[in-house]
Amino acid sequence: MSCPICGEATVKVYRPFCSKRCADLDLAKWLNGSYAVPSQREEDVDADIPSEETRPDRRH
């Protein structure tokens, strides 16, 4: 089995990754939204966001 991040051979402790670094890189991709599970919904996602949340002048 090879690491899905770099392609090196996996290490039992970090399986399916080869190292803690590759495991952390994969986690970071999930946390920042690089990976996403496709929705089965046909509606537009933006339609679910209230209009006050989409205003560009809204303070954070």
Protein backbone atom coordinates (compact mmCIF):
# COMPACT_ATOMS: atom_id res chain seq x y z
CA MET A 1 0.00 0.00 0.00
CA SER A 2 1.30 3.48 -0.82
CA CYS A 3 0.72 6.78 0.93
CA PRO A 4 -2.11 8.77 -0.72
CA ILE A 5 -0.20 12.03 -0.19
CA CYS A 6 3.33 11.29 -1.43
CA GLY A 7 3.21 7.75 -2.82
CA GLU A 8 5.86 6.28 -0.47
CA ALA A 9 5.37 2.95 1.29
CA THR A 10 3.10 3.18 4.35
CA VAL A 11 4.20 2.76 7.95
CA LYS A 12 1.99 0.70 10.27
CA VAL A 13 1.79 3.45 12.92
CA TYR A 14 0.53 6.05 10.42
CA ARG A 15 -1.38 3.81 8.01
CA PRO A 16 -2.63 4.66 5.39
CA PHE A 17 0.13 7.29 5.42
CA CYS A 18 3.91 6.99 5.49
CA SER A 19 4.55 9.57 8.21
CA LYS A 20 2.97 11.97 10.69
CA ARG A 21 3.71 14.78 8.23
CA CYS A 22 1.59 13.20 5.48
CA ALA A 23 -1.18 12.40 7.98
CA ASP A 24 -1.16 16.04 9.13
CA LEU A 25 -1.21 17.31 5.53
CA ASP A 26 -4.27 15.17 4.84
CA LEU A 27 -6.01 16.45 7.98
CA ALA A 28 -5.24 20.04 6.98
CA LYS A 29 -6.86 19.46 3.59
CA TRP A 30 -10.05 18.29 5.31
CA LEU A 31 -10.02 21.20 7.76
CA ASN A 32 -9.48 23.93 5.16
CA GLY A 33 -12.10 22.53 2.80
CA SER A 34 -9.83 21.22 0.05
CA TYR A 35 -11.62 17.89 0.36
CA ALA A 36 -15.39 17.91 0.18
CA VAL A 37 -18.08 15.30 0.01
CA PRO A 38 -20.49 16.08 -2.83
CA SER A 39 -24.04 16.85 -1.84
CA GLN A 40 -27.02 15.00 -3.24
CA ARG A 41 -29.12 18.17 -2.99
CA GLU A 42 -30.21 19.84 -6.17
CA GLU A 43 -30.86 23.25 -4.63
CA ASP A 44 -28.26 25.97 -4.70
CA VAL A 45 -26.26 26.03 -1.46
CA ASP A 46 -26.27 29.84 -1.37
CA ALA A 47 -30.07 29.81 -1.17
CA ASP A 48 -29.77 28.38 2.36
CA ILE A 49 -27.67 31.30 3.66
CA PRO A 50 -29.73 34.16 5.15
CA SER A 51 -29.23 37.43 3.26
CA GLU A 52 -27.75 39.23 6.28
CA GLU A 53 -24.85 36.75 6.26
CA THR A 54 -23.99 37.45 2.62
CA ARG A 55 -23.78 41.23 2.85
CA PRO A 56 -20.21 42.37 2.03
CA ASP A 57 -20.42 45.34 4.46
CA ARG A 58 -21.36 43.14 7.41
CA ARG A 59 -18.91 43.38 10.32
CA HIS A 60 -17.34 40.15 11.53
